[in-house]
């Protein structure tokens, strides 16, 4: 295997390239992501009959566990294609009674709000919208931008995770459905971001750059996520789309035809923050264009050709006039002046490892021991 230590290289099968500093290529110029997906597809992915059996078992288990309760499962809904399609299948095809949770972090597009309303009304399901305190969210997002790290979307994503578990606990729901899937999300370079569930990381960046208390911010720590939730509270996280022959274009067509859903023009563009973050902040400051990962995931799963992906990559990532408008809106909403924003964009990019993280083994060990003592009341 060779890496990208000096010269530019692009995968011969996908559009992944050396903008991912950790990418590697084999002798034929095929990147590690292709080989990784092929290994999963051939050795780990359940075959059609096995997948159907596993899906039926999952559905029956949720129905049995939900007897006598208001809901038998819970899932988040962003209004994006994956979660929207999953909600449709959960209700219309599998006959489940989900509690739908949406976390409003202050950046919903009007289109996202309309799509969510259409989905829950069409399916006749309950929606709980959890609104994050805007002053706290704003302070955290400002902190991550000032920290000069790639994934400044962590505060939003962390609040989504914490909010979902909070509602699961409140309504005693043990089955959590996730729209994640290998068909459209198998490729996402670790070097381009950081795990949003890392509360140690969030607190360290906030300590350095934040001003407000995080008391009102939805939080979930490593001990709850890795120990309490799966082993004590017995929460089970399911990824049902892995049991299906999931096709993004077919899912969109169904949503449009059945529920009046409208496309956003890009993955995760239902959030104004995420759209600007992915389509401008990352490629301009860090050289990371997430379209490469999203399109390459579709290539390896057979939903797009490399030629189609190259053609899409050649399209402008942002309309110039729209970018001017969105930049003005973004920096005003976060309370930056134009000069402050220019300084931020010109500041040296930093890796997430520059700040504290619960991903370091010694921190994980220390945290688990400390949290266990606290949980048991041990001094």
Protein backbone atom coordinates (compact mmCIF):
# COMPACT_ATOMS: atom_id res chain seq x y z
CA UNK A 1 0.00 0.00 0.00
CA UNK A 2 1.12 3.55 -0.66
CA UNK A 3 -0.01 6.71 1.07
CA UNK A 4 -0.29 10.31 -0.02
CA UNK A 5 2.82 11.68 1.65
CA UNK A 6 3.83 14.00 -1.19
CA UNK A 7 1.82 14.02 -4.42
CA UNK A 8 -1.85 14.31 -5.28
CA UNK A 9 -3.70 11.10 -6.10
CA UNK A 10 -7.32 10.19 -6.72
CA UNK A 11 -8.88 6.74 -6.47
CA UNK A 12 -9.39 4.92 -9.77
CA UNK A 13 -12.76 3.54 -8.60
CA UNK A 14 -14.24 6.47 -6.65
CA UNK A 15 -13.66 10.23 -6.31
CA UNK A 16 -11.88 9.98 -2.95
CA UNK A 17 -8.48 11.65 -3.08
CA UNK A 18 -5.54 12.80 -0.99
CA UNK A 19 -7.55 15.62 0.56
CA UNK A 20 -8.01 12.81 3.09
CA UNK A 21 -4.51 12.73 4.62
CA UNK A 22 -4.95 9.14 5.83
CA UNK A 23 -6.09 7.61 2.54
CA UNK A 24 -4.07 4.75 1.08
CA UNK A 25 -4.02 3.12 -2.35
CA UNK A 26 -3.18 -0.35 -3.62
CA UNK A 27 -1.00 -1.07 -6.65
CA UNK A 28 -3.97 -0.45 -8.98
CA UNK A 29 -4.72 2.95 -7.46
CA UNK A 30 -7.82 1.72 -5.63
CA UNK A 31 -8.30 3.38 -2.25
CA UNK A 32 -8.74 1.66 1.09
CA UNK A 33 -12.41 2.68 1.27
CA UNK A 34 -13.31 0.58 -1.77
CA UNK A 35 -11.54 -2.44 -0.35
CA UNK A 36 -13.15 -1.84 3.04
CA UNK A 37 -16.65 -1.68 1.56
CA UNK A 38 -16.05 -4.78 -0.55
CA UNK A 39 -14.92 -6.69 2.55
CA UNK A 40 -18.07 -5.63 4.40
CA UNK A 41 -20.30 -6.48 1.44
CA UNK A 42 -18.79 -9.92 0.94
CA UNK A 43 -18.11 -11.04 4.50
CA UNK A 44 -20.27 -9.08 6.95
CA UNK A 45 -23.41 -7.92 5.18
CA UNK A 46 -26.34 -10.28 5.62
CA UNK A 47 -27.56 -11.96 2.48
CA UNK A 48 -31.14 -11.39 1.31
CA UNK A 49 -32.85 -14.22 3.22
CA UNK A 50 -30.75 -13.69 6.35
CA UNK A 51 -31.47 -9.96 6.25
CA UNK A 52 -35.21 -10.55 5.92
CA UNK A 53 -35.15 -12.95 8.86
CA UNK A 54 -33.14 -10.51 10.99
CA UNK A 55 -35.51 -7.65 10.13
CA UNK A 56 -38.58 -9.73 11.01
CA UNK A 57 -36.99 -10.71 14.33
CA UNK A 58 -36.19 -7.07 15.09
CA UNK A 59 -39.75 -5.94 14.32
CA UNK A 60 -41.34 -8.74 16.35
CA UNK A 61 -39.06 -8.00 19.30
CA UNK A 62 -40.06 -4.33 19.27
CA UNK A 63 -43.74 -5.22 19.07
CA UNK A 64 -43.45 -7.66 21.98
CA UNK A 65 -41.48 -5.21 24.14
CA UNK A 66 -43.92 -2.43 23.31
CA UNK A 67 -47.06 -4.22 24.49
CA UNK A 68 -48.95 -2.11 27.00
CA UNK A 69 -46.85 0.95 26.18
CA UNK A 70 -47.66 4.03 24.16
CA UNK A 71 -44.70 3.48 21.83
CA UNK A 72 -42.63 0.47 20.85
CA UNK A 73 -39.66 2.37 19.42
CA UNK A 74 -38.16 5.83 19.11
CA UNK A 75 -36.29 7.55 16.29
CA UNK A 76 -34.93 10.94 15.38
CA UNK A 77 -36.24 12.81 12.35
CA UNK A 78 -34.19 15.54 10.69
CA UNK A 79 -36.31 15.78 7.55
CA UNK A 80 -33.46 14.32 5.49
CA UNK A 81 -33.99 11.43 3.12
CA UNK A 82 -32.64 8.60 5.31
CA UNK A 83 -34.63 9.34 8.47
CA UNK A 84 -37.74 10.29 6.47
CA UNK A 85 -37.66 7.05 4.47
CA UNK A 86 -37.08 5.04 7.62
CA UNK A 87 -40.10 6.68 9.28
CA UNK A 88 -42.25 5.67 6.29
CA UNK A 89 -41.14 2.05 6.36
CA UNK A 90 -41.49 1.85 10.17
CA UNK A 91 -45.13 2.89 10.06
CA UNK A 92 -46.48 1.83 6.67
CA UNK A 93 -44.63 -1.45 6.12
CA UNK A 94 -43.76 -2.69 9.61
CA UNK A 95 -46.76 -1.48 11.60
CA UNK A 96 -44.70 -0.05 14.45
CA UNK A 97 -45.69 2.80 16.79
CA UNK A 98 -42.69 5.11 16.90
CA UNK A 99 -42.18 8.24 18.93
CA UNK A 100 -40.57 10.71 16.56
CA UNK A 101 -38.08 13.14 18.06
CA UNK A 102 -36.75 16.24 16.37
CA UNK A 103 -34.13 18.41 18.04
CA UNK A 104 -34.33 22.06 16.96
CA UNK A 105 -30.87 23.58 17.35
CA UNK A 106 -31.88 26.90 15.80
CA UNK A 107 -30.84 26.23 12.19
CA UNK A 108 -33.79 24.45 10.57
CA UNK A 109 -34.52 25.55 7.03
CA UNK A 110 -38.14 26.35 6.21
CA UNK A 111 -38.11 23.42 3.80
CA UNK A 112 -37.01 21.05 6.58
CA UNK A 113 -39.84 22.21 8.83
CA UNK A 114 -42.35 21.64 6.02
CA UNK A 115 -40.95 18.20 5.21
CA UNK A 116 -41.13 17.11 8.85
CA UNK A 117 -44.72 18.34 9.18
CA UNK A 118 -45.75 16.52 6.00
CA UNK A 119 -44.15 13.28 7.18
CA UNK A 120 -45.68 13.16 10.65
CA UNK A 121 -49.09 14.28 9.37
CA UNK A 122 -49.08 11.75 6.52
CA UNK A 123 -48.09 8.92 8.84
CA UNK A 124 -50.27 10.01 11.77
CA UNK A 125 -47.45 9.72 14.29
CA UNK A 126 -46.46 11.72 17.37
CA UNK A 127 -43.67 14.26 17.06
CA UNK A 128 -41.79 15.68 20.03
CA UNK A 129 -39.66 18.70 19.17
CA UNK A 130 -36.92 19.49 21.67
CA UNK A 131 -35.70 23.08 21.37
CA UNK A 132 -32.09 23.67 22.45
CA UNK A 133 -31.46 26.95 24.28
CA UNK A 134 -30.22 29.18 21.47
CA UNK A 135 -27.81 31.26 23.55
CA UNK A 136 -26.04 28.09 24.69
CA UNK A 137 -25.98 26.54 21.21
CA UNK A 138 -24.68 29.79 19.73
CA UNK A 139 -21.91 29.97 22.35
CA UNK A 140 -20.85 26.38 21.67
CA UNK A 141 -20.85 26.78 17.89
CA UNK A 142 -18.83 29.98 18.19
CA UNK A 143 -16.38 28.06 20.38
CA UNK A 144 -15.89 25.29 17.82
CA UNK A 145 -15.40 27.76 15.00
CA UNK A 146 -12.85 29.68 17.08
CA UNK A 147 -11.11 26.39 17.92
CA UNK A 148 -10.28 26.05 14.20
CA UNK A 149 -11.22 22.34 14.05
CA UNK A 150 -12.95 20.65 11.10
CA UNK A 151 -16.14 19.36 12.70
CA UNK A 152 -17.79 22.46 14.12
CA UNK A 153 -21.14 20.67 13.66
CA UNK A 154 -20.44 18.64 16.80
CA UNK A 155 -22.65 20.76 19.14
CA UNK A 156 -25.73 20.18 16.97
CA UNK A 157 -25.08 16.47 16.53
CA UNK A 158 -24.36 15.93 20.23
CA UNK A 159 -27.65 17.59 21.20
CA UNK A 160 -29.47 15.27 18.79
CA UNK A 161 -27.94 12.17 20.41
CA UNK A 162 -28.53 13.37 23.98
CA UNK A 163 -32.08 14.49 23.22
CA UNK A 164 -33.04 11.15 21.73
CA UNK A 165 -31.77 9.18 24.74
CA UNK A 166 -33.50 11.63 27.09
CA UNK A 167 -36.88 10.97 25.46
CA UNK A 168 -36.23 7.22 25.36
CA UNK A 169 -35.66 7.27 29.11
CA UNK A 170 -38.68 9.48 29.78
CA UNK A 171 -41.08 7.17 27.91
CA UNK A 172 -39.32 3.91 28.86
CA UNK A 173 -38.57 2.98 25.24
CA UNK A 174 -35.68 0.56 24.82
CA UNK A 175 -35.54 0.31 21.01
CA UNK A 176 -33.86 3.22 19.21
CA UNK A 177 -33.95 3.33 15.42
CA UNK A 178 -31.13 4.94 13.45
CA UNK A 179 -31.21 5.82 9.75
CA UNK A 180 -27.49 5.19 9.31
CA UNK A 181 -26.58 2.80 6.53
CA UNK A 182 -23.64 1.52 4.51
CA UNK A 183 -25.38 2.05 1.16
CA UNK A 184 -25.07 5.84 1.31
CA UNK A 185 -22.70 6.45 4.24
CA UNK A 186 -19.95 3.84 4.08
CA UNK A 187 -17.25 6.43 3.42
CA UNK A 188 -16.44 9.28 5.79
CA UNK A 189 -12.76 9.94 6.53
CA UNK A 190 -11.90 10.06 10.23
CA UNK A 191 -9.42 12.86 9.51
CA UNK A 192 -12.24 15.11 8.29
CA UNK A 193 -14.04 15.23 11.61
CA UNK A 194 -14.53 13.84 15.10
CA UNK A 195 -17.15 11.83 16.98
CA UNK A 196 -19.95 14.14 18.09
CA UNK A 197 -20.63 12.08 21.23
CA UNK A 198 -17.25 13.05 22.77
CA UNK A 199 -18.32 15.22 25.73
CA UNK A 200 -14.74 15.58 27.01
CA UNK A 201 -13.85 17.23 23.70
CA UNK A 202 -16.87 19.53 23.80
CA UNK A 203 -16.14 20.67 27.34
CA UNK A 204 -12.47 21.36 26.64
CA UNK A 205 -13.17 23.51 23.58
CA UNK A 206 -15.93 25.32 25.45
CA UNK A 207 -13.64 25.90 28.44
CA UNK A 208 -11.14 27.61 26.18
CA UNK A 209 -13.47 29.66 23.99
CA UNK A 210 -16.97 29.65 25.51
CA UNK A 211 -18.62 32.16 27.80
CA UNK A 212 -21.95 30.67 28.89
CA UNK A 213 -22.81 27.79 31.20
CA UNK A 214 -23.52 24.43 29.56
CA UNK A 215 -26.12 23.58 32.19
CA UNK A 216 -28.98 23.89 29.68
CA UNK A 217 -27.17 22.01 26.90
CA UNK A 218 -28.32 18.39 26.30
CA UNK A 219 -25.38 16.17 27.22
CA UNK A 220 -24.44 12.52 27.20
CA UNK A 221 -21.10 11.34 28.54
CA UNK A 222 -18.96 8.32 27.73
CA UNK A 223 -20.08 6.35 30.78
CA UNK A 224 -23.77 6.73 29.94
CA UNK A 225 -23.22 6.07 26.26
CA UNK A 226 -20.94 3.05 26.55
CA UNK A 227 -21.88 1.50 29.90
CA UNK A 228 -25.20 2.61 31.40
CA UNK A 229 -27.31 2.81 28.25
CA UNK A 230 -26.53 -0.58 26.68
CA UNK A 231 -25.90 -2.64 29.84
CA UNK A 232 -28.00 -1.11 32.62
CA UNK A 233 -30.87 0.57 30.80
CA UNK A 234 -30.76 -2.07 28.03
CA UNK A 235 -31.23 0.35 25.15
CA UNK A 236 -30.82 -1.32 21.78
CA UNK A 237 -29.83 0.76 18.74
CA UNK A 238 -31.02 -0.67 15.42
CA UNK A 239 -30.03 0.28 11.86
CA UNK A 240 -32.94 -1.20 9.88
CA UNK A 241 -31.86 0.22 6.52
CA UNK A 242 -28.94 -2.24 6.60
CA UNK A 243 -31.46 -5.07 6.19
CA UNK A 244 -32.90 -3.51 3.03
CA UNK A 245 -31.64 -3.05 -0.51
CA UNK A 246 -31.60 0.66 0.20
CA UNK A 247 -31.42 2.96 -2.81
CA UNK A 248 -31.27 6.72 -2.28
CA UNK A 249 -32.99 7.77 -5.52
CA UNK A 250 -35.80 5.25 -5.04
CA UNK A 251 -36.25 6.45 -1.45
CA UNK A 252 -36.51 10.07 -2.62
CA UNK A 253 -39.08 9.17 -5.27
CA UNK A 254 -41.23 7.36 -2.70
CA UNK A 255 -41.07 10.29 -0.29
CA UNK A 256 -41.96 12.77 -3.02
CA UNK A 257 -44.85 10.67 -4.33
CA UNK A 258 -46.28 9.56 -0.99
CA UNK A 259 -45.64 12.47 1.37
CA UNK A 260 -44.94 15.58 -0.68
CA UNK A 261 -41.31 15.59 0.45
CA UNK A 262 -38.98 18.06 -1.29
CA UNK A 263 -35.25 17.66 -1.89
CA UNK A 264 -32.64 19.97 -0.31
CA UNK A 265 -30.04 19.68 -3.06
CA UNK A 266 -27.37 18.11 -0.85
CA UNK A 267 -26.82 15.60 1.96
CA UNK A 268 -27.62 17.13 5.38
CA UNK A 269 -28.64 20.45 3.81
CA UNK A 270 -31.85 20.41 5.86
CA UNK A 271 -29.83 22.40 8.43
CA UNK A 272 -28.72 25.87 7.33
CA UNK A 273 -25.65 25.53 9.57
CA UNK A 274 -24.66 22.14 8.15
CA UNK A 275 -25.13 23.30 4.57
CA UNK A 276 -22.79 26.28 5.04
CA UNK A 277 -20.37 24.21 7.14
CA UNK A 278 -20.11 21.41 4.54
CA UNK A 279 -20.30 23.46 1.35
CA UNK A 280 -18.10 26.41 2.34
CA UNK A 281 -16.33 26.25 5.72
CA UNK A 282 -14.79 22.79 5.26
CA UNK A 283 -13.67 23.01 1.61
CA UNK A 284 -12.42 26.61 1.93
CA UNK A 285 -10.56 26.39 5.26
CA UNK A 286 -9.55 22.71 5.31
CA UNK A 287 -9.79 21.50 1.71
CA UNK A 288 -12.34 18.83 2.67
CA UNK A 289 -15.21 18.49 0.18
CA UNK A 290 -17.68 16.03 1.71
CA UNK A 291 -19.28 15.49 -1.67
CA UNK A 292 -16.33 13.19 -2.39
CA UNK A 293 -17.30 10.90 0.48
CA UNK A 294 -21.04 11.03 -0.19
CA UNK A 295 -20.67 10.34 -3.92
CA UNK A 296 -18.03 7.66 -3.39
CA UNK A 297 -20.37 5.85 -0.99
CA UNK A 298 -22.96 5.74 -3.77
CA UNK A 299 -20.33 4.50 -6.24
CA UNK A 300 -19.21 1.54 -4.13
CA UNK A 301 -22.82 0.52 -3.44
CA UNK A 302 -23.63 0.57 -7.17
CA UNK A 303 -25.98 3.55 -7.11
CA UNK A 304 -23.80 5.86 -9.21
CA UNK A 305 -20.99 5.54 -11.74
CA UNK A 306 -17.62 7.18 -11.24
CA UNK A 307 -18.23 9.24 -14.39
CA UNK A 308 -21.47 10.61 -12.93
CA UNK A 309 -19.70 11.45 -9.69
CA UNK A 310 -16.87 13.25 -11.52
CA UNK A 311 -19.43 15.29 -13.44
CA UNK A 312 -21.16 16.25 -10.19
CA UNK A 313 -17.85 17.17 -8.57
CA UNK A 314 -17.21 19.52 -11.49
CA UNK A 315 -20.35 21.48 -10.64
CA UNK A 316 -19.93 24.55 -8.40
CA UNK A 317 -20.40 23.61 -4.75
CA UNK A 318 -22.14 26.91 -4.01
CA UNK A 319 -23.95 29.45 -6.18
CA UNK A 320 -21.93 32.69 -5.75
CA UNK A 321 -24.93 34.89 -4.95
CA UNK A 322 -26.37 32.32 -2.55
CA UNK A 323 -22.98 32.05 -0.84
CA UNK A 324 -22.87 35.81 -0.25
CA UNK A 325 -26.33 35.74 1.28
CA UNK A 326 -25.67 32.64 3.41
CA UNK A 327 -22.29 33.95 4.63
CA UNK A 328 -23.88 37.19 5.78
CA UNK A 329 -26.67 35.27 7.54
CA UNK A 330 -24.29 32.76 9.13
CA UNK A 331 -21.81 35.21 10.65
CA UNK A 332 -24.58 37.56 11.82
CA UNK A 333 -26.49 34.73 13.52
CA UNK A 334 -23.32 33.61 15.33
CA UNK A 335 -22.46 37.20 16.28
CA UNK A 336 -19.20 37.59 14.33
CA UNK A 337 -18.10 40.72 12.52
CA UNK A 338 -16.81 40.37 8.95
CA UNK A 339 -13.26 41.02 10.18
CA UNK A 340 -13.59 38.38 12.92
CA UNK A 341 -14.90 35.89 10.39
CA UNK A 342 -12.06 36.59 7.97
CA UNK A 343 -9.56 36.05 10.79
CA UNK A 344 -11.24 32.73 11.64
CA UNK A 345 -11.12 31.53 8.04
CA UNK A 346 -7.44 32.51 7.78
CA UNK A 347 -6.41 30.97 11.12
CA UNK A 348 -4.30 27.81 11.06
CA UNK A 349 -6.46 24.66 10.84
CA UNK A 350 -6.07 22.34 13.82
CA UNK A 351 -6.77 18.64 14.26
CA UNK A 352 -9.30 17.63 16.90
CA UNK A 353 -6.51 15.83 18.76
CA UNK A 354 -5.09 19.25 19.65
CA UNK A 355 -7.84 19.38 22.31
CA UNK A 356 -8.82 16.90 25.01
CA UNK A 357 -10.80 13.86 23.91
CA UNK A 358 -12.30 10.76 25.46
CA UNK A 359 -10.77 8.76 22.61
CA UNK A 360 -7.42 8.48 24.38
CA UNK A 361 -7.20 5.18 26.32
CA UNK A 362 -5.88 6.76 29.51
CA UNK A 363 -8.72 9.28 29.57
CA UNK A 364 -11.31 6.58 28.91
CA UNK A 365 -9.97 4.49 31.80
CA UNK A 366 -9.85 7.48 34.16
CA UNK A 367 -13.34 8.55 33.13
CA UNK A 368 -14.90 5.12 33.55
CA UNK A 369 -13.37 4.69 37.03
CA UNK A 370 -14.40 8.20 38.11
CA UNK A 371 -17.93 7.85 36.77
CA UNK A 372 -18.35 4.42 38.34
CA UNK A 373 -17.29 5.77 41.73
CA UNK A 374 -19.69 8.67 41.35
CA UNK A 375 -22.49 6.33 40.32
CA UNK A 376 -21.83 4.09 43.35
CA UNK A 377 -21.29 6.99 45.74
CA UNK A 378 -17.65 6.06 46.37
CA UNK A 379 -15.28 8.83 47.44
